[in-house]
Amino acid sequence: MFVSRLVPLHRIISKSFVVFLGFTFLAGCAAQQQPPRDVSKVSSSDTVLLFGPSTSDASEEGIKITYAQASMGFDSGCNPNQTFSDELNDCAKLPAEVKTLALDHCASFGLKALFVGNSTNWLQQTVSNFTCE
């Protein structure tokens, strides 16, 4: 009799956990609108690639570049918590190789590269998004 009561409780807990994970995943993946910045004006100081970048979603509209990086601190006067606030990417830096890839990609279409923002993938690598205008 006691075991028969555990089965429905177990299913309720399982379904609640799945729903919770689903909402957490959706909230974590929700993209916030970020003001684009000219790629040539984004700082490259104190950033180093751990291995070469890879590109995806390359088209005339833009490109995504995925890479692992090591960064040392933030610029003076720059709040490190802004990276996760409404003023996203005011403090973001791009490695020189990533900037060159974005600039060259957009220049091949005769367009200017704009840095839209960074995110991370499931391997905790940085994914930089660029548009061409």
Protein backbone atom coordinates (compact mmCIF):
# COMPACT_ATOMS: atom_id res chain seq x y z
CA MET A 1 0.00 0.00 0.00
CA PHE A 2 2.80 2.44 0.84
CA VAL A 3 4.66 1.68 -2.42
CA SER A 4 1.58 2.44 -4.52
CA ARG A 5 1.49 6.00 -3.13
CA LEU A 6 5.15 6.60 -4.03
CA VAL A 7 4.69 5.95 -7.74
CA PRO A 8 2.33 8.91 -8.38
CA LEU A 9 4.45 11.14 -6.14
CA HIS A 10 7.57 10.11 -8.06
CA ARG A 11 5.88 10.98 -11.38
CA ILE A 12 4.75 14.37 -10.09
CA ILE A 13 8.26 15.19 -8.89
CA SER A 14 9.75 14.00 -12.20
CA LYS A 15 7.35 16.10 -14.28
CA SER A 16 7.92 19.14 -12.07
CA PHE A 17 11.67 18.75 -12.42
CA VAL A 18 11.44 18.48 -16.23
CA VAL A 19 9.25 21.60 -16.40
CA PHE A 20 11.69 23.48 -14.14
CA LEU A 21 14.64 22.48 -16.34
CA GLY A 22 12.73 23.54 -19.44
CA PHE A 23 12.00 27.01 -18.07
CA THR A 24 15.59 27.37 -16.86
CA PHE A 25 16.91 26.43 -20.31
CA LEU A 26 14.58 28.88 -22.06
CA ALA A 27 15.48 31.71 -19.68
CA GLY A 28 19.20 31.04 -20.14
CA CYS A 29 18.93 31.01 -23.91
CA ALA A 30 16.78 34.09 -24.23
CA ALA A 31 18.76 36.64 -26.20
CA GLN A 32 18.79 40.20 -25.04
CA GLN A 33 18.95 42.96 -27.64
CA GLN A 34 22.40 44.51 -27.61
CA PRO A 35 23.58 47.71 -29.27
CA PRO A 36 25.98 46.85 -32.12
CA ARG A 37 29.52 48.23 -31.98
CA ASP A 38 32.00 48.83 -34.77
CA VAL A 39 34.39 45.85 -34.69
CA SER A 40 37.46 47.99 -35.32
CA LYS A 41 36.72 49.98 -32.12
CA VAL A 42 36.39 46.93 -29.82
CA SER A 43 39.46 46.44 -27.61
CA SER A 44 41.75 43.43 -28.03
CA SER A 45 43.97 44.14 -25.05
CA ASP A 46 44.67 41.35 -22.56
CA THR A 47 42.89 38.64 -24.59
CA VAL A 48 44.51 35.50 -26.01
CA LEU A 49 43.00 32.61 -27.96
CA LEU A 50 43.55 29.15 -26.51
CA PHE A 51 43.06 27.62 -29.98
CA GLY A 52 41.98 28.83 -33.41
CA PRO A 53 38.47 30.21 -33.93
CA SER A 54 35.82 28.44 -35.99
CA THR A 55 33.09 30.13 -38.00
CA SER A 56 29.44 29.27 -38.50
CA ASP A 57 26.32 30.86 -39.97
CA ALA A 58 28.47 32.86 -42.39
CA SER A 59 26.39 34.86 -44.85
CA GLU A 60 26.09 38.37 -46.20
CA GLU A 61 24.02 39.26 -43.11
CA GLY A 62 26.78 38.30 -40.67
CA ILE A 63 28.86 35.58 -39.07
CA LYS A 64 29.26 33.70 -35.79
CA ILE A 65 32.75 32.95 -34.54
CA THR A 66 33.35 30.38 -31.78
CA TYR A 67 36.57 30.30 -29.77
CA ALA A 68 38.09 29.64 -26.35
CA GLN A 69 39.88 32.61 -24.85
CA ALA A 70 41.79 33.72 -21.81
CA SER A 71 41.22 37.27 -20.59
CA MET A 72 43.00 39.20 -17.88
CA GLY A 73 40.74 41.63 -16.02
CA PHE A 74 38.65 44.54 -17.24
CA ASP A 75 39.51 48.09 -18.26
CA SER A 76 39.63 50.66 -15.51
CA GLY A 77 36.27 52.31 -14.99
CA CYS A 78 34.51 49.30 -16.50
CA ASN A 79 32.12 47.40 -14.27
CA PRO A 80 32.73 43.65 -14.86
CA ASN A 81 29.11 42.96 -13.96
CA GLN A 82 27.95 45.03 -16.95
CA THR A 83 28.73 42.06 -19.13
CA PHE A 84 25.51 40.55 -17.81
CA SER A 85 23.42 43.74 -17.57
CA ASP A 86 21.37 45.83 -19.99
CA GLU A 87 24.56 47.54 -21.20
CA LEU A 88 25.90 44.26 -22.57
CA ASN A 89 29.30 44.24 -24.23
CA ASP A 90 30.36 47.73 -23.15
CA CYS A 91 33.26 45.92 -21.50
CA ALA A 92 33.56 43.02 -23.96
CA LYS A 93 36.88 42.49 -25.72
CA LEU A 94 37.65 40.50 -28.84
CA PRO A 95 40.89 38.68 -29.67
CA ALA A 96 42.67 40.23 -32.67
CA GLU A 97 42.21 37.05 -34.76
CA VAL A 98 38.44 37.13 -34.22
CA LYS A 99 38.26 40.81 -35.17
CA THR A 100 40.25 40.12 -38.34
CA LEU A 101 37.95 37.23 -39.31
CA ALA A 102 34.83 39.37 -38.88
CA LEU A 103 36.29 42.38 -40.68
CA ASP A 104 37.51 40.25 -43.61
CA HIS A 105 34.20 38.38 -43.88
CA CYS A 106 32.11 41.55 -44.10
CA ALA A 107 34.67 43.31 -46.33
CA SER A 108 34.30 40.47 -48.85
CA PHE A 109 30.72 41.74 -49.37
CA GLY A 110 31.80 45.40 -49.30
CA LEU A 111 30.16 45.89 -45.89
CA LYS A 112 31.20 47.06 -42.43
CA ALA A 113 31.44 44.55 -39.54
CA LEU A 114 29.45 45.28 -36.37
CA PHE A 115 29.90 43.37 -33.11
CA VAL A 116 26.47 42.38 -31.77
CA GLY A 117 27.50 40.47 -28.67
CA ASN A 118 28.99 37.42 -26.99
CA SER A 119 27.34 34.32 -25.65
CA THR A 120 28.66 30.91 -24.58
CA ASN A 121 27.97 27.47 -25.93
CA TRP A 122 27.57 24.27 -23.93
CA LEU A 123 31.38 23.80 -23.90
CA GLN A 124 31.71 27.26 -22.30
CA GLN A 125 33.42 28.62 -25.39
CA THR A 126 32.75 32.21 -26.42
CA VAL A 127 30.45 32.70 -29.41
CA SER A 128 30.77 36.20 -30.89
CA ASN A 129 27.99 37.39 -33.17
CA PHE A 130 28.63 39.90 -35.94
CA THR A 131 26.40 41.58 -38.52
CA CYS A 132 27.48 43.12 -41.80
CA GLU A 133 26.03 46.52 -42.72
